[in-house]
Amino acid sequence: MYSRFKYISSAILILSIISCSICAQNKSEIFIPLQNRNEVKISPDFDTLLSGKEYSYIMKFAPKYKFSELFFDKGVAVRTDSLLRITPKTKKTSGLDTAMFKIIGFANNSRILLYQYLLIKPEPKLFPNFNSNKGMIVLNNMALERNEKYKRDNFSQKAILSYEEPGRDDTSITILSVTLSLVNKQMQKNLYKKGDKLDEEMIKEIRKLSSNTLTYIKLEVKIGKKTKSVWTRFMLTV
């Protein structure tokens, strides 16, 4: 009976020691605000970040910190020497989102845990942007504005081209044909198809691109009883 009591007492003592150790560990892992700390300096100061855009900063640690770990809950954060690159990402489509950026700096016998809240602004929606006189060629819901850049991945088998003009009903506009021209240092191709869709050959040529390519799209459109040609020019990025 005595030995059993002694065993239970020893077990309780061990559990108490472990519990105290865990408490002490949790207490030491409290993150503190990054602002105005001498251990880490980041320049320029963080501002509201645009989702999907990469930002570069200079991050300097106090000499005693040998290396660090970064944690960013809404995007990617990478450190190379003193260069810090952050690419935020949010699923929100409007307003602002809040992200948590954490840094752990390691010294020989210690470490420091820092955090910073960042504001993320969603990527702007790509809607047709008309002026008072001109129409716009549209790929699905994305306006193909002149001299802009668009990703190759936007051009899929299901992509549909349309032409929109301010003050006109879409039902009064019919696309008769599509001409696609691709121009870069390696090649120049011109493809033609009747209707309002990019055909399989056009999509295949776009998929084959290995470098950024100047792209022209011309539509033959019928508006009411009149027929006219409209075009746009942009850079297709791979």
Protein backbone atom coordinates (compact mmCIF):
# COMPACT_ATOMS: atom_id res chain seq x y z
CA MET A 1 0.00 0.00 0.00
CA TYR A 2 2.82 2.39 0.89
CA SER A 3 4.74 1.59 -2.29
CA ARG A 4 1.61 2.23 -4.38
CA PHE A 5 1.10 5.61 -2.67
CA LYS A 6 4.77 6.43 -3.26
CA TYR A 7 4.40 5.54 -6.98
CA ILE A 8 1.31 7.77 -7.37
CA SER A 9 3.04 10.66 -5.59
CA SER A 10 6.07 10.35 -7.89
CA ALA A 11 3.82 10.34 -10.95
CA ILE A 12 2.00 13.47 -9.76
CA LEU A 13 5.35 15.18 -9.16
CA ILE A 14 6.58 14.32 -12.66
CA LEU A 15 3.36 15.59 -14.26
CA SER A 16 3.64 18.82 -12.26
CA ILE A 17 7.20 19.36 -13.51
CA ILE A 18 6.15 18.72 -17.13
CA SER A 19 3.18 21.07 -16.75
CA CYS A 20 5.37 23.83 -15.36
CA SER A 21 7.83 23.29 -18.19
CA ILE A 22 5.07 23.60 -20.81
CA CYS A 23 3.73 26.75 -19.15
CA ALA A 24 7.18 28.28 -19.16
CA GLN A 25 7.65 27.33 -22.80
CA ASN A 26 4.29 28.82 -23.86
CA LYS A 27 5.06 31.98 -21.96
CA SER A 28 8.40 32.33 -23.80
CA GLU A 29 6.67 31.93 -27.19
CA ILE A 30 4.54 35.03 -26.96
CA PHE A 31 5.05 37.15 -30.10
CA ILE A 32 5.70 40.84 -29.62
CA PRO A 33 5.05 43.71 -32.09
CA LEU A 34 7.74 44.25 -34.72
CA GLN A 35 7.45 48.03 -34.76
CA ASN A 36 10.24 50.06 -33.14
CA ARG A 37 12.32 46.98 -32.27
CA ASN A 38 16.12 47.21 -32.36
CA GLU A 39 16.54 43.50 -33.10
CA VAL A 40 15.02 43.72 -36.61
CA LYS A 41 14.75 46.66 -38.97
CA ILE A 42 12.68 46.50 -42.17
CA SER A 43 12.66 49.28 -44.74
CA PRO A 44 10.66 50.82 -46.22
CA ASP A 45 7.80 50.61 -43.73
CA PHE A 46 4.92 48.27 -44.54
CA ASP A 47 1.94 49.88 -46.22
CA THR A 48 -1.30 48.50 -47.66
CA LEU A 49 -0.31 45.72 -50.09
CA LEU A 50 -2.03 44.77 -53.34
CA SER A 51 -2.94 41.08 -53.61
CA GLY A 52 -0.83 39.17 -56.14
CA LYS A 53 1.92 41.81 -56.36
CA GLU A 54 5.48 41.10 -55.14
CA TYR A 55 7.07 43.63 -52.75
CA SER A 56 10.74 43.91 -51.82
CA TYR A 57 12.19 45.15 -48.52
CA ILE A 58 15.54 45.34 -46.79
CA MET A 59 15.51 43.37 -43.52
CA LYS A 60 18.44 43.70 -41.11
CA PHE A 61 18.92 41.69 -37.92
CA ALA A 62 21.04 42.63 -34.92
CA PRO A 63 24.47 40.91 -35.23
CA LYS A 64 23.78 38.27 -32.57
CA TYR A 65 20.93 36.69 -34.59
CA LYS A 66 22.38 34.05 -36.91
CA PHE A 67 19.30 33.03 -38.91
CA SER A 68 15.52 33.41 -38.97
CA GLU A 69 12.22 31.79 -39.86
CA LEU A 70 9.35 33.62 -41.56
CA PHE A 71 5.64 32.88 -41.41
CA PHE A 72 3.00 34.64 -43.54
CA ASP A 73 -0.57 33.35 -43.32
CA LYS A 74 -1.90 34.98 -46.51
CA GLY A 75 0.76 34.72 -49.16
CA VAL A 76 4.47 34.04 -49.50
CA ALA A 77 7.41 35.63 -47.64
CA VAL A 78 11.00 34.75 -48.61
CA ARG A 79 14.26 36.08 -47.20
CA THR A 80 17.55 35.95 -49.15
CA ASP A 81 20.37 37.53 -47.13
CA SER A 82 19.01 41.02 -46.36
CA LEU A 83 16.38 40.98 -49.12
CA LEU A 84 12.81 40.23 -48.01
CA ARG A 85 10.22 39.49 -50.71
CA ILE A 86 6.51 39.38 -49.87
CA THR A 87 3.69 38.38 -52.21
CA PRO A 88 0.30 38.73 -50.46
CA LYS A 89 -2.82 36.86 -51.54
CA THR A 90 -6.41 37.25 -50.40
CA LYS A 91 -9.67 35.57 -51.39
CA LYS A 92 -11.61 38.75 -50.72
CA THR A 93 -12.96 40.66 -53.70
CA SER A 94 -13.60 43.99 -51.97
CA GLY A 95 -12.57 46.00 -48.92
CA LEU A 96 -9.36 45.15 -47.05
CA ASP A 97 -8.07 41.88 -45.61
CA THR A 98 -5.76 41.49 -42.58
CA ALA A 99 -2.72 39.20 -42.63
CA MET A 100 -0.23 38.17 -39.95
CA PHE A 101 3.52 38.31 -40.71
CA LYS A 102 5.77 36.60 -38.14
CA ILE A 103 9.54 36.53 -37.70
CA ILE A 104 11.56 34.28 -35.41
CA GLY A 105 15.19 35.33 -34.97
CA PHE A 106 17.64 32.79 -33.54
CA ALA A 107 20.76 33.66 -31.53
CA ASN A 108 23.19 31.24 -29.84
CA ASN A 109 21.16 30.69 -26.67
CA SER A 110 18.01 32.69 -27.31
CA ARG A 111 15.44 33.73 -29.86
CA ILE A 112 13.00 36.54 -30.44
CA LEU A 113 9.45 36.24 -31.77
CA LEU A 114 7.99 39.23 -33.59
CA TYR A 115 4.79 39.91 -35.52
CA GLN A 116 3.29 42.58 -37.76
CA TYR A 117 -0.26 42.94 -39.07
CA LEU A 118 -0.46 43.77 -42.78
CA LEU A 119 -3.39 45.10 -44.79
CA ILE A 120 -4.10 43.48 -48.17
CA LYS A 121 -6.16 45.08 -50.91
CA PRO A 122 -7.83 42.64 -53.37
CA GLU A 123 -6.81 42.65 -57.01
CA PRO A 124 -8.95 45.01 -59.08
CA LYS A 125 -11.68 43.38 -61.14
CA LEU A 126 -11.16 43.45 -64.87
CA PHE A 127 -14.32 44.97 -66.28
CA PRO A 128 -14.64 46.77 -69.61
CA ASN A 129 -13.56 50.37 -69.34
CA PHE A 130 -15.24 52.51 -71.97
CA ASN A 131 -14.70 56.10 -72.90
CA SER A 132 -17.50 58.11 -74.45
CA ASN A 133 -16.59 57.30 -78.09
CA LYS A 134 -14.96 53.87 -78.28
CA GLY A 135 -16.10 50.29 -77.88
CA MET A 136 -14.13 47.44 -76.36
CA ILE A 137 -13.19 43.88 -77.33
CA VAL A 138 -13.94 41.59 -74.40
CA LEU A 139 -12.67 38.07 -73.64
CA ASN A 140 -15.27 36.44 -71.38
CA ASN A 141 -15.61 39.21 -68.71
CA MET A 142 -12.15 40.71 -69.24
CA ALA A 143 -11.67 43.82 -71.38
CA LEU A 144 -8.69 43.53 -73.75
CA GLU A 145 -7.44 47.09 -73.55
CA ARG A 146 -4.79 48.37 -75.90
CA ASN A 147 -1.13 48.26 -74.80
CA GLU A 148 -1.91 46.29 -71.64
CA LYS A 149 -0.53 42.90 -70.51
CA TYR A 150 -2.60 39.71 -70.17
CA LYS A 151 -1.66 36.20 -69.12
CA ARG A 152 -1.66 33.38 -71.65
CA ASP A 153 -3.75 31.24 -69.27
CA ASN A 154 -6.78 33.50 -69.83
CA PHE A 155 -7.10 32.11 -73.36
CA SER A 156 -8.75 28.71 -72.98
CA GLN A 157 -10.86 26.48 -75.21
CA LYS A 158 -14.00 27.99 -73.69
CA ALA A 159 -12.93 31.59 -74.26
CA ILE A 160 -15.57 33.69 -76.03
CA LEU A 161 -14.91 37.05 -77.65
CA SER A 162 -17.48 39.81 -77.72
CA TYR A 163 -17.67 43.46 -78.66
CA GLU A 164 -19.35 46.01 -76.42
CA GLU A 165 -20.14 49.58 -77.26
CA PRO A 166 -21.63 52.15 -74.88
CA GLY A 167 -25.29 52.83 -75.48
CA ARG A 168 -25.87 49.68 -77.56
CA ASP A 169 -27.74 46.50 -76.69
CA ASP A 170 -25.53 43.37 -76.94
CA THR A 171 -28.21 41.61 -79.00
CA SER A 172 -27.73 44.15 -81.81
CA ILE A 173 -24.03 43.20 -82.20
CA THR A 174 -22.89 40.08 -84.06
CA ILE A 175 -19.27 38.97 -84.48
CA LEU A 176 -18.71 37.66 -88.00
CA SER A 177 -15.03 36.68 -87.76
CA VAL A 178 -11.88 36.73 -85.63
CA THR A 179 -8.31 37.40 -86.79
CA LEU A 180 -5.48 36.58 -84.38
CA SER A 181 -1.91 37.78 -85.02
CA LEU A 182 1.07 36.74 -82.87
CA VAL A 183 4.41 38.54 -83.24
CA ASN A 184 7.71 38.00 -81.39
CA LYS A 185 11.41 37.57 -82.26
CA GLN A 186 11.00 33.91 -83.20
CA MET A 187 7.88 34.00 -85.36
CA GLN A 188 4.89 35.83 -86.80
CA LYS A 189 1.54 34.09 -87.34
CA ASN A 190 -1.84 35.23 -88.61
CA LEU A 191 -4.91 33.07 -88.03
CA TYR A 192 -8.48 33.61 -89.18
CA LYS A 193 -11.79 32.06 -88.13
CA LYS A 194 -15.46 32.78 -88.67
CA GLY A 195 -17.62 33.28 -85.58
CA ASP A 196 -16.91 34.65 -82.09
CA LYS A 197 -14.68 31.90 -80.64
CA LEU A 198 -10.97 31.19 -80.83
CA ASP A 199 -10.61 27.86 -82.60
CA GLU A 200 -8.40 24.92 -81.59
CA GLU A 201 -5.51 26.00 -83.80
CA MET A 202 -5.47 29.51 -82.28
CA ILE A 203 -5.46 28.13 -78.73
CA LYS A 204 -2.70 25.67 -79.67
CA GLU A 205 -0.47 28.46 -81.01
CA ILE A 206 -1.06 30.54 -77.86
CA ARG A 207 -0.18 27.56 -75.64
CA LYS A 208 3.05 26.99 -77.59
CA LEU A 209 4.38 30.49 -76.85
CA SER A 210 7.64 30.41 -74.90
CA SER A 211 8.16 34.17 -74.55
CA ASN A 212 6.06 37.30 -74.21
CA THR A 213 4.35 38.01 -77.51
CA LEU A 214 2.75 41.07 -79.07
CA THR A 215 -0.82 40.08 -79.91
CA TYR A 216 -3.39 41.62 -82.25
CA ILE A 217 -7.05 40.66 -82.31
CA LYS A 218 -9.32 41.99 -85.04
CA LEU A 219 -13.07 41.41 -85.08
CA GLU A 220 -15.39 41.84 -88.00
CA VAL A 221 -18.63 42.94 -86.34
CA LYS A 222 -22.12 43.65 -87.59
CA ILE A 223 -23.98 46.37 -85.70
CA GLY A 224 -27.53 46.66 -86.92
CA LYS A 225 -27.22 46.86 -90.72
CA LYS A 226 -23.62 48.09 -90.73
CA THR A 227 -20.39 46.03 -90.68
CA LYS A 228 -17.06 47.31 -89.39
CA SER A 229 -13.63 46.10 -88.20
CA VAL A 230 -12.43 46.69 -84.63
CA TRP A 231 -9.08 45.70 -83.17
CA THR A 232 -6.92 45.70 -80.07
CA ARG A 233 -3.22 45.19 -79.39
CA PHE A 234 -1.68 43.88 -76.16
CA MET A 235 1.23 41.89 -74.74
CA LEU A 236 0.53 38.22 -74.05
CA THR A 237 2.71 37.03 -71.14
CA VAL A 238 3.75 33.43 -70.50
